[in-house]
N, C-alpha and C. Protein backbone atom coordinates (compact mmCIF):
# COMPACT_ATOMS: atom_id res chain seq x y z
N MET A 1 78.24 76.08 -56.93
CA MET A 1 78.67 75.88 -55.57
C MET A 1 77.47 75.65 -54.65
N THR A 2 76.41 76.41 -54.87
CA THR A 2 75.21 76.25 -54.07
C THR A 2 74.61 74.87 -54.26
N ARG A 3 74.65 74.37 -55.49
CA ARG A 3 74.11 73.04 -55.78
C ARG A 3 74.89 71.95 -55.03
N ILE A 4 76.22 72.07 -54.97
CA ILE A 4 77.05 71.10 -54.25
C ILE A 4 76.72 71.14 -52.77
N ARG A 5 76.57 72.33 -52.20
CA ARG A 5 76.21 72.45 -50.78
C ARG A 5 74.85 71.82 -50.52
N SER A 6 73.92 72.01 -51.42
CA SER A 6 72.58 71.42 -51.27
C SER A 6 72.65 69.90 -51.29
N LEU A 7 73.45 69.37 -52.21
CA LEU A 7 73.61 67.92 -52.29
C LEU A 7 74.26 67.36 -51.03
N LEU A 8 75.28 68.04 -50.53
CA LEU A 8 75.93 67.61 -49.29
C LEU A 8 74.96 67.67 -48.11
N ALA A 9 74.20 68.72 -48.03
CA ALA A 9 73.21 68.85 -46.95
C ALA A 9 72.20 67.72 -47.01
N CYS A 10 71.74 67.38 -48.22
CA CYS A 10 70.79 66.27 -48.37
C CYS A 10 71.40 64.95 -47.93
N LEU A 11 72.67 64.73 -48.29
CA LEU A 11 73.36 63.50 -47.90
C LEU A 11 73.48 63.39 -46.39
N VAL A 12 73.88 64.48 -45.74
CA VAL A 12 74.01 64.50 -44.29
C VAL A 12 72.66 64.27 -43.63
N LEU A 13 71.64 64.96 -44.09
CA LEU A 13 70.30 64.79 -43.50
C LEU A 13 69.77 63.38 -43.70
N THR A 14 70.02 62.80 -44.87
CA THR A 14 69.56 61.43 -45.12
C THR A 14 70.26 60.45 -44.19
N THR A 15 71.54 60.61 -44.00
CA THR A 15 72.30 59.74 -43.11
C THR A 15 71.82 59.88 -41.67
N VAL A 16 71.65 61.11 -41.20
CA VAL A 16 71.19 61.35 -39.84
C VAL A 16 69.76 60.84 -39.65
N ALA A 17 68.89 61.10 -40.61
CA ALA A 17 67.49 60.70 -40.50
C ALA A 17 67.35 59.19 -40.48
N SER A 18 68.23 58.48 -41.18
CA SER A 18 68.14 57.01 -41.19
C SER A 18 68.71 56.40 -39.92
N GLY A 19 69.32 57.24 -39.09
CA GLY A 19 69.86 56.74 -37.82
C GLY A 19 71.19 56.03 -38.00
N GLY A 20 71.74 56.07 -39.18
CA GLY A 20 72.98 55.37 -39.44
C GLY A 20 74.12 56.31 -39.65
N ALA A 21 75.28 55.73 -39.66
CA ALA A 21 76.48 56.48 -39.98
C ALA A 21 77.10 55.82 -41.19
N VAL A 22 77.86 56.56 -41.90
CA VAL A 22 78.52 56.00 -43.07
C VAL A 22 79.64 55.09 -42.56
N ARG A 23 79.66 53.84 -43.05
CA ARG A 23 80.64 52.86 -42.62
C ARG A 23 81.62 52.65 -43.76
N ALA A 24 82.90 52.59 -43.43
CA ALA A 24 83.91 52.36 -44.46
C ALA A 24 83.68 50.98 -45.08
N ALA A 25 83.96 50.85 -46.35
CA ALA A 25 83.72 49.61 -47.08
C ALA A 25 84.53 48.45 -46.51
N ASP A 26 85.72 48.72 -45.96
CA ASP A 26 86.55 47.63 -45.44
C ASP A 26 86.30 47.33 -43.97
N GLU A 27 85.41 48.08 -43.34
CA GLU A 27 85.09 47.85 -41.93
C GLU A 27 84.19 46.63 -41.81
N PRO A 28 84.60 45.60 -41.04
CA PRO A 28 83.79 44.39 -40.94
C PRO A 28 82.50 44.63 -40.14
N ALA A 29 81.43 44.04 -40.58
CA ALA A 29 80.16 44.11 -39.85
C ALA A 29 80.21 43.09 -38.71
N SER A 30 79.52 43.36 -37.63
CA SER A 30 79.46 42.40 -36.53
C SER A 30 78.67 41.19 -36.97
N PRO A 31 79.15 39.99 -36.62
CA PRO A 31 78.38 38.81 -37.01
C PRO A 31 77.08 38.71 -36.22
N ARG A 32 76.12 38.06 -36.83
CA ARG A 32 74.85 37.78 -36.16
C ARG A 32 75.15 36.87 -34.97
N THR A 33 74.47 37.09 -33.85
CA THR A 33 74.69 36.28 -32.64
C THR A 33 73.45 35.45 -32.36
N ILE A 34 73.69 34.17 -32.05
CA ILE A 34 72.61 33.26 -31.66
C ILE A 34 72.92 32.74 -30.26
N ALA A 35 71.98 32.93 -29.34
CA ALA A 35 72.15 32.46 -27.97
C ALA A 35 71.64 31.02 -27.86
N ILE A 36 72.44 30.19 -27.21
CA ILE A 36 72.10 28.78 -27.01
C ILE A 36 72.35 28.45 -25.54
N THR A 37 71.45 27.69 -24.94
CA THR A 37 71.62 27.25 -23.56
C THR A 37 71.79 25.74 -23.53
N ALA A 38 72.80 25.30 -22.79
CA ALA A 38 73.03 23.87 -22.58
C ALA A 38 72.66 23.54 -21.15
N ARG A 39 71.82 22.53 -20.99
CA ARG A 39 71.47 22.06 -19.64
C ARG A 39 71.15 20.58 -19.75
N ARG A 40 71.31 19.89 -18.65
CA ARG A 40 71.02 18.45 -18.68
C ARG A 40 69.63 18.23 -19.21
N PHE A 41 69.35 17.59 -20.17
CA PHE A 41 70.12 16.90 -21.19
C PHE A 41 69.65 17.40 -22.54
N GLU A 42 69.78 18.73 -22.74
CA GLU A 42 69.29 19.32 -23.97
C GLU A 42 70.02 20.63 -24.28
N PHE A 43 69.93 20.99 -25.55
CA PHE A 43 70.33 22.32 -25.99
C PHE A 43 69.05 23.05 -26.34
N GLU A 44 69.00 24.33 -26.04
CA GLU A 44 67.84 25.15 -26.37
C GLU A 44 68.31 26.38 -27.11
N PRO A 45 67.91 26.63 -28.31
CA PRO A 45 66.90 25.89 -29.07
C PRO A 45 67.45 24.56 -29.57
N LYS A 46 66.56 23.69 -29.96
CA LYS A 46 66.94 22.36 -30.46
C LYS A 46 67.41 22.42 -31.90
N GLU A 47 67.08 23.51 -32.62
CA GLU A 47 67.47 23.64 -34.02
C GLU A 47 67.75 25.10 -34.33
N ILE A 48 68.83 25.33 -35.08
CA ILE A 48 69.12 26.67 -35.58
C ILE A 48 69.36 26.60 -37.08
N HIS A 49 69.14 27.72 -37.76
CA HIS A 49 69.33 27.80 -39.21
C HIS A 49 70.41 28.84 -39.50
N LEU A 50 71.39 28.45 -40.29
CA LEU A 50 72.49 29.32 -40.70
C LEU A 50 72.51 29.42 -42.21
N LYS A 51 73.15 30.48 -42.70
CA LYS A 51 73.31 30.66 -44.15
C LYS A 51 74.72 30.25 -44.54
N LYS A 52 74.84 29.54 -45.61
CA LYS A 52 76.14 29.13 -46.13
C LYS A 52 76.99 30.37 -46.37
N GLY A 53 78.22 30.38 -45.84
CA GLY A 53 79.15 31.47 -46.03
C GLY A 53 79.01 32.62 -45.04
N GLU A 54 77.97 32.63 -44.23
CA GLU A 54 77.76 33.72 -43.25
C GLU A 54 78.44 33.36 -41.93
N THR A 55 79.26 34.26 -41.43
CA THR A 55 79.88 34.05 -40.12
C THR A 55 78.86 34.41 -39.05
N VAL A 56 78.70 33.49 -38.10
CA VAL A 56 77.74 33.66 -37.01
C VAL A 56 78.46 33.39 -35.69
N LYS A 57 78.11 34.19 -34.68
CA LYS A 57 78.65 33.96 -33.33
C LYS A 57 77.62 33.17 -32.55
N LEU A 58 78.01 32.00 -32.07
CA LEU A 58 77.16 31.19 -31.20
C LEU A 58 77.58 31.48 -29.77
N LYS A 59 76.67 32.03 -29.00
CA LYS A 59 76.94 32.36 -27.60
C LYS A 59 76.26 31.27 -26.77
N VAL A 60 77.07 30.34 -26.25
CA VAL A 60 76.55 29.13 -25.62
C VAL A 60 76.78 29.19 -24.12
N ALA A 61 75.70 29.10 -23.36
CA ALA A 61 75.77 29.18 -21.90
C ALA A 61 75.40 27.84 -21.29
N SER A 62 76.19 27.41 -20.32
CA SER A 62 75.85 26.21 -19.55
C SER A 62 75.01 26.65 -18.35
N ALA A 63 73.85 26.06 -18.20
CA ALA A 63 72.96 26.43 -17.10
C ALA A 63 73.24 25.61 -15.84
N ASP A 64 74.08 24.57 -15.96
CA ASP A 64 74.30 23.71 -14.80
C ASP A 64 75.73 23.18 -14.75
N VAL A 65 75.97 21.99 -15.27
CA VAL A 65 77.28 21.34 -15.21
C VAL A 65 78.08 21.63 -16.47
N SER A 66 79.30 21.11 -16.55
CA SER A 66 80.09 21.31 -17.77
C SER A 66 79.53 20.44 -18.89
N HIS A 67 79.60 20.96 -20.10
CA HIS A 67 79.11 20.28 -21.29
C HIS A 67 80.13 20.46 -22.41
N GLY A 68 79.99 19.65 -23.43
CA GLY A 68 80.76 19.84 -24.65
C GLY A 68 79.82 20.38 -25.72
N PHE A 69 80.41 20.97 -26.75
CA PHE A 69 79.64 21.56 -27.85
C PHE A 69 80.43 21.21 -29.09
N PHE A 70 80.04 20.12 -29.79
CA PHE A 70 80.89 19.54 -30.82
C PHE A 70 80.14 19.19 -32.09
N GLN A 71 80.71 19.61 -33.22
CA GLN A 71 80.24 19.21 -34.55
C GLN A 71 81.45 19.26 -35.48
N ARG A 72 81.93 18.10 -35.88
CA ARG A 72 83.19 17.99 -36.63
C ARG A 72 83.16 18.72 -37.97
N ALA A 73 82.15 18.48 -38.81
CA ALA A 73 82.11 19.04 -40.16
C ALA A 73 82.08 20.57 -40.17
N LEU A 74 81.47 21.18 -39.15
CA LEU A 74 81.40 22.63 -39.05
C LEU A 74 82.56 23.22 -38.24
N LYS A 75 83.46 22.34 -37.80
CA LYS A 75 84.66 22.74 -37.03
C LYS A 75 84.28 23.44 -35.73
N ILE A 76 83.27 22.89 -35.06
CA ILE A 76 82.84 23.43 -33.77
C ILE A 76 83.33 22.46 -32.69
N ASP A 77 84.09 22.99 -31.74
CA ASP A 77 84.58 22.16 -30.64
C ASP A 77 84.86 23.09 -29.47
N ALA A 78 83.91 23.17 -28.56
CA ALA A 78 84.05 24.07 -27.41
C ALA A 78 83.74 23.32 -26.13
N GLU A 79 84.41 23.73 -25.08
CA GLU A 79 84.12 23.22 -23.75
C GLU A 79 83.33 24.28 -23.01
N LEU A 80 82.24 23.85 -22.41
CA LEU A 80 81.38 24.77 -21.66
C LEU A 80 81.56 24.48 -20.17
N ALA A 81 82.22 25.38 -19.48
CA ALA A 81 82.39 25.22 -18.04
C ALA A 81 81.05 25.41 -17.35
N ALA A 82 80.90 24.76 -16.21
CA ALA A 82 79.66 24.84 -15.45
C ALA A 82 79.27 26.30 -15.19
N GLU A 83 78.03 26.63 -15.56
CA GLU A 83 77.45 27.95 -15.34
C GLU A 83 78.25 29.10 -15.96
N LYS A 84 78.94 28.82 -17.07
CA LYS A 84 79.71 29.85 -17.79
C LYS A 84 79.22 29.93 -19.23
N THR A 85 79.68 30.94 -19.95
CA THR A 85 79.31 31.14 -21.35
C THR A 85 80.56 31.11 -22.22
N ALA A 86 80.43 30.48 -23.37
CA ALA A 86 81.51 30.43 -24.36
C ALA A 86 80.98 31.00 -25.67
N GLU A 87 81.88 31.58 -26.46
CA GLU A 87 81.50 32.10 -27.77
C GLU A 87 82.25 31.31 -28.84
N VAL A 88 81.51 30.93 -29.88
CA VAL A 88 82.07 30.16 -30.98
C VAL A 88 81.70 30.86 -32.28
N LEU A 89 82.70 31.16 -33.11
CA LEU A 89 82.43 31.70 -34.43
C LEU A 89 82.40 30.55 -35.43
N VAL A 90 81.39 30.54 -36.28
CA VAL A 90 81.27 29.49 -37.28
C VAL A 90 80.89 30.13 -38.62
N THR A 91 81.53 29.64 -39.68
CA THR A 91 81.22 30.09 -41.03
C THR A 91 81.01 28.82 -41.87
N PRO A 92 79.78 28.33 -41.96
CA PRO A 92 79.54 27.08 -42.70
C PRO A 92 79.81 27.25 -44.19
N GLN A 93 80.49 26.26 -44.77
CA GLN A 93 80.84 26.31 -46.18
C GLN A 93 80.00 25.37 -47.04
N GLN A 94 79.27 24.47 -46.42
CA GLN A 94 78.46 23.49 -47.14
C GLN A 94 77.02 23.52 -46.61
N SER A 95 76.07 23.49 -47.53
CA SER A 95 74.66 23.36 -47.12
C SER A 95 74.44 21.96 -46.58
N GLY A 96 73.46 21.83 -45.70
CA GLY A 96 73.13 20.51 -45.18
C GLY A 96 72.56 20.59 -43.78
N THR A 97 72.28 19.41 -43.23
CA THR A 97 71.76 19.30 -41.87
C THR A 97 72.81 18.59 -41.04
N TYR A 98 73.18 19.19 -39.92
CA TYR A 98 74.26 18.69 -39.08
C TYR A 98 73.74 18.46 -37.66
N THR A 99 74.23 17.39 -37.04
CA THR A 99 73.87 17.10 -35.65
C THR A 99 75.04 17.50 -34.76
N LEU A 100 74.77 18.37 -33.81
CA LEU A 100 75.76 18.80 -32.83
C LEU A 100 75.50 18.03 -31.54
N ILE A 101 76.56 17.59 -30.87
CA ILE A 101 76.40 16.79 -29.67
C ILE A 101 77.13 17.42 -28.48
N CYS A 102 76.74 16.98 -27.30
CA CYS A 102 77.52 17.24 -26.09
C CYS A 102 78.53 16.11 -26.01
N ASP A 103 79.82 16.45 -26.03
CA ASP A 103 80.84 15.40 -25.99
C ASP A 103 81.55 15.30 -24.64
N HIS A 104 80.91 15.83 -23.59
CA HIS A 104 81.39 15.65 -22.21
C HIS A 104 80.29 14.92 -21.45
N PHE A 105 80.65 13.85 -20.78
CA PHE A 105 79.62 13.11 -20.03
C PHE A 105 79.04 14.03 -18.96
N CYS A 106 77.71 14.21 -19.01
CA CYS A 106 77.06 15.13 -18.08
C CYS A 106 75.93 14.47 -17.29
N GLY A 107 75.84 13.15 -17.37
CA GLY A 107 74.82 12.43 -16.60
C GLY A 107 74.15 11.36 -17.43
N SER A 108 73.12 10.76 -16.86
CA SER A 108 72.47 9.58 -17.47
C SER A 108 71.81 9.86 -18.82
N GLY A 109 71.39 11.07 -19.11
CA GLY A 109 70.75 11.39 -20.38
C GLY A 109 71.71 12.00 -21.41
N HIS A 110 72.99 11.94 -21.11
CA HIS A 110 74.01 12.56 -21.95
C HIS A 110 73.94 12.13 -23.42
N GLY A 111 73.70 10.87 -23.69
CA GLY A 111 73.69 10.35 -25.04
C GLY A 111 72.61 10.96 -25.94
N ASN A 112 71.59 11.53 -25.34
CA ASN A 112 70.51 12.15 -26.11
C ASN A 112 70.64 13.67 -26.23
N MET A 113 71.74 14.22 -25.76
CA MET A 113 71.91 15.67 -25.77
C MET A 113 72.45 16.12 -27.11
N LYS A 114 71.54 16.52 -27.99
CA LYS A 114 71.90 16.88 -29.37
C LYS A 114 71.09 18.09 -29.81
N MET A 115 71.59 18.75 -30.83
CA MET A 115 70.82 19.80 -31.49
C MET A 115 71.11 19.72 -32.98
N THR A 116 70.24 20.32 -33.78
CA THR A 116 70.36 20.29 -35.22
C THR A 116 70.75 21.67 -35.73
N ILE A 117 71.72 21.69 -36.65
CA ILE A 117 72.11 22.93 -37.33
C ILE A 117 71.81 22.73 -38.82
N VAL A 118 70.93 23.56 -39.36
CA VAL A 118 70.58 23.50 -40.76
C VAL A 118 71.27 24.66 -41.47
N VAL A 119 72.08 24.32 -42.47
CA VAL A 119 72.78 25.32 -43.25
C VAL A 119 72.10 25.40 -44.62
N GLU A 120 71.61 26.59 -44.95
CA GLU A 120 70.86 26.77 -46.21
C GLU A 120 71.69 27.52 -47.22
C-alpha cells in the first residue's frame, strides 16, 4: 500500500512540476494559429508552411479595405471585412505549393495580391 501511495505521489508531483495537467485522450488539442494581415496590396507574411494533415487556424485581419482570401485546392474562401478579422480552419491533405489570392477588387494593385502556402 505504501508503494502505491509513493507511486501516486510521484505521478502527481511530476504532473505539477511539468506545469501540465493530464488531458483525456479524446479531448481535442487546440489547433496551431497563424496570424496573417491583409492590406493593399499584400498579405503578410508572404509565405506560410503547413504540415499535411494538421489542422491550423488562420487568423486573417484586414488592415484597411475589404479583401478576399481564396485558395480553391485547400478549400479556403473567406471574406475579410474592412478592418475586421476572420478565422479560417484548414487541414491540408496534399503536399505542395499553393498560391492564395485576394479575390475581391481592392484597388489598382489587386492583381498582385498573393501569398504562398507550402504544405510539407
